[in-house]
Amino acid sequence: MIHNNDIETEHAFARLCQDRSLSDVLVTTSDSAVIHCKGELFTPPQVSDLTLLAKESCQLLARNSAASQPPAHPNNIRVSVIVNNLNISLTPINDTLFTIASKLPRQN
């Protein structure tokens, strides 16, 4: 079941991803090990919605953690985006949907 807030979050993030002010996307495991930075995979307007971001993140995590023991679980990933100097952290609800966990001023 998808709650209204989740749908609103996804729509908001879809708009956010199309915003040219999106300056950085960072994918990490729950222990903050960086597995991807924007530049290859996560570049607007390719990231058109939150579901795509989540799926791509999970696939990327699976590829990068295949050699690790034990392999990382998709629920362990965290995604942060930086928009207009605001660092927005996303926490996975499931394999295809994230919710905004926090919004913090960007740390330089």
N, C-alpha and C. Protein backbone atom coordinates (compact mmCIF):
# COMPACT_ATOMS: atom_id res chain seq x y z
N MET A 1 0.83 -1.18 0.00
CA MET A 1 0.00 0.00 0.00
C MET A 1 0.88 1.25 0.00
N ILE A 2 0.55 2.18 -0.86
CA ILE A 2 1.31 3.43 -0.93
C ILE A 2 0.47 4.54 -0.32
N HIS A 3 1.06 5.23 0.64
CA HIS A 3 0.35 6.32 1.30
C HIS A 3 0.43 7.59 0.45
N ASN A 4 -0.54 8.47 0.66
CA ASN A 4 -0.56 9.74 -0.06
C ASN A 4 0.75 10.50 0.09
N ASN A 5 1.29 10.50 1.30
CA ASN A 5 2.53 11.23 1.53
C ASN A 5 3.66 10.69 0.67
N ASP A 6 3.68 9.36 0.47
CA ASP A 6 4.71 8.76 -0.36
C ASP A 6 4.56 9.20 -1.81
N ILE A 7 3.32 9.25 -2.28
CA ILE A 7 3.07 9.69 -3.66
C ILE A 7 3.46 11.15 -3.81
N GLU A 8 3.09 11.96 -2.82
CA GLU A 8 3.46 13.38 -2.87
C GLU A 8 4.97 13.54 -2.84
N THR A 9 5.64 12.73 -2.04
CA THR A 9 7.10 12.78 -1.98
C THR A 9 7.69 12.43 -3.34
N GLU A 10 7.15 11.39 -3.97
CA GLU A 10 7.67 10.97 -5.27
C GLU A 10 7.46 12.06 -6.31
N HIS A 11 6.28 12.66 -6.31
CA HIS A 11 6.01 13.73 -7.28
C HIS A 11 6.92 14.92 -7.03
N ALA A 12 7.11 15.25 -5.76
CA ALA A 12 7.98 16.38 -5.43
C ALA A 12 9.41 16.09 -5.87
N PHE A 13 9.84 14.84 -5.68
CA PHE A 13 11.21 14.49 -6.04
C PHE A 13 11.38 14.45 -7.55
N ALA A 14 10.32 14.04 -8.26
CA ALA A 14 10.38 14.05 -9.72
C ALA A 14 10.59 15.48 -10.22
N ARG A 15 9.87 16.42 -9.63
CA ARG A 15 10.05 17.83 -10.01
C ARG A 15 11.45 18.29 -9.63
N LEU A 16 11.89 17.87 -8.46
CA LEU A 16 13.21 18.26 -7.97
C LEU A 16 14.30 17.76 -8.91
N CYS A 17 14.15 16.54 -9.41
CA CYS A 17 15.17 15.95 -10.27
C CYS A 17 15.24 16.65 -11.62
N GLN A 18 14.15 17.28 -12.03
CA GLN A 18 14.15 18.01 -13.30
C GLN A 18 14.68 19.42 -13.12
N ASP A 19 14.89 19.83 -11.88
CA ASP A 19 15.36 21.17 -11.58
C ASP A 19 16.85 21.28 -11.89
N ARG A 20 17.22 22.29 -12.66
CA ARG A 20 18.63 22.45 -13.03
C ARG A 20 19.51 22.80 -11.83
N SER A 21 18.89 23.13 -10.71
CA SER A 21 19.68 23.46 -9.52
C SER A 21 20.17 22.21 -8.79
N LEU A 22 19.73 21.03 -9.25
CA LEU A 22 20.20 19.78 -8.66
C LEU A 22 21.70 19.67 -8.91
N SER A 23 22.49 19.74 -7.87
CA SER A 23 23.93 19.83 -8.06
C SER A 23 24.68 18.54 -7.70
N ASP A 24 24.05 17.66 -6.97
CA ASP A 24 24.79 16.47 -6.56
C ASP A 24 23.83 15.38 -6.13
N VAL A 25 24.14 14.15 -6.47
CA VAL A 25 23.42 12.99 -5.96
C VAL A 25 24.45 12.03 -5.41
N LEU A 26 24.26 11.61 -4.18
CA LEU A 26 25.21 10.74 -3.51
C LEU A 26 24.48 9.50 -3.03
N VAL A 27 24.99 8.33 -3.38
CA VAL A 27 24.42 7.07 -2.92
C VAL A 27 25.43 6.41 -1.99
N THR A 28 24.98 6.06 -0.80
CA THR A 28 25.88 5.41 0.16
C THR A 28 25.20 4.20 0.77
N THR A 29 25.99 3.34 1.37
CA THR A 29 25.43 2.28 2.18
C THR A 29 25.11 2.88 3.54
N SER A 30 24.44 2.12 4.39
CA SER A 30 24.03 2.66 5.68
C SER A 30 25.22 3.04 6.56
N ASP A 31 26.38 2.47 6.28
CA ASP A 31 27.57 2.84 7.06
C ASP A 31 28.36 3.96 6.38
N SER A 32 27.70 4.66 5.45
CA SER A 32 28.24 5.85 4.79
C SER A 32 29.36 5.59 3.79
N ALA A 33 29.52 4.35 3.35
CA ALA A 33 30.49 4.08 2.29
C ALA A 33 29.89 4.55 0.96
N VAL A 34 30.60 5.42 0.28
CA VAL A 34 30.07 5.99 -0.96
C VAL A 34 30.12 4.94 -2.07
N ILE A 35 29.00 4.74 -2.75
CA ILE A 35 29.00 3.82 -3.88
C ILE A 35 28.72 4.52 -5.20
N HIS A 36 28.27 5.77 -5.15
CA HIS A 36 28.08 6.49 -6.40
C HIS A 36 27.94 7.98 -6.16
N CYS A 37 28.53 8.77 -7.03
CA CYS A 37 28.30 10.20 -7.05
C CYS A 37 27.76 10.58 -8.42
N LYS A 38 26.96 11.61 -8.47
CA LYS A 38 26.38 12.05 -9.73
C LYS A 38 27.46 12.32 -10.76
N GLY A 39 27.14 12.03 -12.01
CA GLY A 39 28.09 12.26 -13.07
C GLY A 39 28.00 11.17 -14.12
N GLU A 40 27.68 9.96 -13.68
CA GLU A 40 27.53 8.85 -14.61
C GLU A 40 26.06 8.47 -14.76
N LEU A 41 25.46 8.10 -13.65
CA LEU A 41 24.13 7.52 -13.70
C LEU A 41 23.03 8.52 -13.37
N PHE A 42 23.24 9.31 -12.35
CA PHE A 42 22.17 10.17 -11.86
C PHE A 42 22.34 11.59 -12.35
N THR A 43 21.91 11.84 -13.57
CA THR A 43 22.00 13.19 -14.11
C THR A 43 20.66 13.59 -14.69
N PRO A 44 20.10 14.72 -14.28
CA PRO A 44 18.83 15.18 -14.85
C PRO A 44 19.01 15.39 -16.36
N PRO A 45 17.98 15.13 -17.20
CA PRO A 45 16.65 14.68 -16.78
C PRO A 45 16.51 13.16 -16.78
N GLN A 46 17.63 12.43 -16.82
CA GLN A 46 17.55 10.97 -16.83
C GLN A 46 16.83 10.45 -15.59
N VAL A 47 17.11 11.04 -14.45
CA VAL A 47 16.39 10.66 -13.25
C VAL A 47 15.08 11.42 -13.25
N SER A 48 14.04 10.78 -13.78
CA SER A 48 12.77 11.48 -13.97
C SER A 48 11.82 11.25 -12.81
N ASP A 49 12.08 10.28 -12.00
CA ASP A 49 11.21 10.06 -10.85
C ASP A 49 11.94 9.29 -9.76
N LEU A 50 11.34 9.31 -8.60
CA LEU A 50 11.96 8.71 -7.43
C LEU A 50 12.08 7.20 -7.55
N THR A 51 11.10 6.56 -8.20
CA THR A 51 11.14 5.12 -8.37
C THR A 51 12.36 4.69 -9.17
N LEU A 52 12.62 5.42 -10.25
CA LEU A 52 13.79 5.11 -11.07
C LEU A 52 15.07 5.25 -10.25
N LEU A 53 15.14 6.33 -9.48
CA LEU A 53 16.32 6.55 -8.65
C LEU A 53 16.51 5.39 -7.68
N ALA A 54 15.42 4.96 -7.06
CA ALA A 54 15.50 3.86 -6.09
C ALA A 54 15.93 2.57 -6.77
N LYS A 55 15.32 2.26 -7.91
CA LYS A 55 15.66 1.01 -8.61
C LYS A 55 17.11 1.03 -9.08
N GLU A 56 17.52 2.15 -9.66
CA GLU A 56 18.90 2.25 -10.13
C GLU A 56 19.87 2.15 -8.96
N SER A 57 19.50 2.76 -7.84
CA SER A 57 20.35 2.70 -6.66
C SER A 57 20.51 1.27 -6.18
N CYS A 58 19.40 0.54 -6.14
CA CYS A 58 19.43 -0.85 -5.68
C CYS A 58 20.27 -1.71 -6.62
N GLN A 59 20.10 -1.48 -7.93
CA GLN A 59 20.88 -2.25 -8.90
C GLN A 59 22.37 -1.94 -8.77
N LEU A 60 22.66 -0.65 -8.60
CA LEU A 60 24.05 -0.24 -8.45
C LEU A 60 24.65 -0.84 -7.19
N LEU A 61 23.89 -0.80 -6.12
CA LEU A 61 24.37 -1.37 -4.86
C LEU A 61 24.62 -2.86 -5.01
N ALA A 62 23.71 -3.56 -5.69
CA ALA A 62 23.86 -5.00 -5.88
C ALA A 62 25.14 -5.31 -6.67
N ARG A 63 25.40 -4.54 -7.71
CA ARG A 63 26.61 -4.76 -8.51
C ARG A 63 27.87 -4.49 -7.68
N ASN A 64 27.85 -3.38 -6.96
CA ASN A 64 29.06 -2.97 -6.23
C ASN A 64 29.31 -3.79 -4.97
N SER A 65 28.25 -4.44 -4.46
CA SER A 65 28.43 -5.20 -3.23
C SER A 65 28.49 -6.70 -3.48
N ALA A 66 28.48 -7.09 -4.75
CA ALA A 66 28.47 -8.52 -5.07
C ALA A 66 29.67 -9.25 -4.47
N ALA A 67 30.80 -8.55 -4.39
CA ALA A 67 32.01 -9.18 -3.87
C ALA A 67 32.11 -9.09 -2.36
N SER A 68 31.26 -8.25 -1.76
CA SER A 68 31.36 -8.08 -0.30
C SER A 68 30.66 -9.23 0.42
N GLN A 69 31.11 -9.52 1.60
CA GLN A 69 30.52 -10.58 2.41
C GLN A 69 30.11 -10.02 3.76
N PRO A 70 28.86 -10.08 4.15
CA PRO A 70 27.75 -10.51 3.29
C PRO A 70 27.37 -9.39 2.33
N PRO A 71 26.69 -9.72 1.22
CA PRO A 71 26.28 -8.69 0.28
C PRO A 71 25.35 -7.68 0.96
N ALA A 72 25.47 -6.43 0.57
CA ALA A 72 24.61 -5.40 1.15
C ALA A 72 23.18 -5.58 0.66
N HIS A 73 22.24 -5.27 1.51
CA HIS A 73 20.83 -5.37 1.16
C HIS A 73 20.36 -4.02 0.65
N PRO A 74 19.47 -4.00 -0.36
CA PRO A 74 18.99 -2.72 -0.88
C PRO A 74 18.45 -1.78 0.19
N ASN A 75 17.87 -2.33 1.25
CA ASN A 75 17.32 -1.47 2.29
C ASN A 75 18.40 -0.73 3.07
N ASN A 76 19.66 -1.10 2.86
CA ASN A 76 20.74 -0.42 3.57
C ASN A 76 21.24 0.81 2.84
N ILE A 77 20.71 1.08 1.64
CA ILE A 77 21.24 2.23 0.92
C ILE A 77 20.59 3.51 1.39
N ARG A 78 21.33 4.58 1.26
CA ARG A 78 20.84 5.92 1.56
C ARG A 78 21.18 6.80 0.36
N VAL A 79 20.27 7.68 0.02
CA VAL A 79 20.50 8.60 -1.08
C VAL A 79 20.39 10.02 -0.56
N SER A 80 21.35 10.84 -0.91
CA SER A 80 21.30 12.26 -0.57
C SER A 80 21.39 13.07 -1.84
N VAL A 81 20.59 14.11 -1.92
CA VAL A 81 20.69 15.03 -3.05
C VAL A 81 20.94 16.42 -2.50
N ILE A 82 21.65 17.20 -3.26
CA ILE A 82 21.91 18.58 -2.86
C ILE A 82 21.26 19.49 -3.88
N VAL A 83 20.34 20.30 -3.41
CA VAL A 83 19.59 21.21 -4.27
C VAL A 83 19.60 22.57 -3.62
N ASN A 84 20.04 23.57 -4.38
CA ASN A 84 20.08 24.93 -3.84
C ASN A 84 20.74 24.96 -2.46
N ASN A 85 21.86 24.25 -2.35
CA ASN A 85 22.62 24.19 -1.10
C ASN A 85 21.86 23.57 0.06
N LEU A 86 20.83 22.80 -0.24
CA LEU A 86 20.10 22.07 0.79
C LEU A 86 20.36 20.59 0.61
N ASN A 87 20.89 19.94 1.63
CA ASN A 87 21.19 18.51 1.56
C ASN A 87 19.95 17.74 1.99
N ILE A 88 19.37 16.97 1.07
CA ILE A 88 18.15 16.22 1.36
C ILE A 88 18.49 14.74 1.42
N SER A 89 18.26 14.13 2.56
CA SER A 89 18.53 12.70 2.72
C SER A 89 17.25 11.91 2.49
N LEU A 90 17.37 10.82 1.76
CA LEU A 90 16.22 9.97 1.48
C LEU A 90 16.44 8.62 2.13
N THR A 91 15.40 8.09 2.73
CA THR A 91 15.47 6.78 3.36
C THR A 91 14.54 5.83 2.61
N PRO A 92 15.00 4.62 2.27
CA PRO A 92 14.15 3.71 1.52
C PRO A 92 12.96 3.20 2.33
N ILE A 93 11.79 3.18 1.68
CA ILE A 93 10.61 2.55 2.27
C ILE A 93 10.60 1.09 1.83
N ASN A 94 10.92 0.88 0.57
CA ASN A 94 11.03 -0.47 0.02
C ASN A 94 11.98 -0.38 -1.17
N ASP A 95 11.98 -1.40 -2.02
CA ASP A 95 12.95 -1.41 -3.11
C ASP A 95 12.71 -0.35 -4.17
N THR A 96 11.52 0.24 -4.18
CA THR A 96 11.22 1.18 -5.26
C THR A 96 10.75 2.54 -4.79
N LEU A 97 10.80 2.81 -3.49
CA LEU A 97 10.30 4.10 -3.03
C LEU A 97 11.11 4.60 -1.84
N PHE A 98 11.47 5.84 -1.92
CA PHE A 98 12.19 6.48 -0.82
C PHE A 98 11.31 7.56 -0.20
N THR A 99 11.57 7.89 1.03
CA THR A 99 10.91 9.02 1.66
C THR A 99 11.99 10.01 2.10
N ILE A 100 11.65 11.28 2.09
CA ILE A 100 12.62 12.28 2.51
C ILE A 100 12.82 12.18 4.01
N ALA A 101 14.06 11.92 4.42
CA ALA A 101 14.36 11.71 5.84
C ALA A 101 14.75 13.01 6.52
N SER A 102 15.48 13.85 5.83
CA SER A 102 15.91 15.10 6.46
C SER A 102 16.32 16.10 5.41
N LYS A 103 16.24 17.36 5.78
CA LYS A 103 16.71 18.44 4.92
C LYS A 103 17.65 19.30 5.77
N LEU A 104 18.89 19.38 5.35
CA LEU A 104 19.89 20.09 6.14
C LEU A 104 20.65 21.07 5.24
N PRO A 105 21.12 22.18 5.80
CA PRO A 105 21.98 23.06 5.01
C PRO A 105 23.22 22.30 4.56
N ARG A 106 23.66 22.58 3.37
CA ARG A 106 24.83 21.88 2.82
C ARG A 106 26.07 22.17 3.65
N GLN A 107 26.83 21.11 3.94
CA GLN A 107 28.09 21.26 4.66
C GLN A 107 29.20 21.44 3.64
N ASN A 108 29.99 22.48 3.77
CA ASN A 108 31.09 22.71 2.82
C ASN A 108 32.38 22.07 3.31
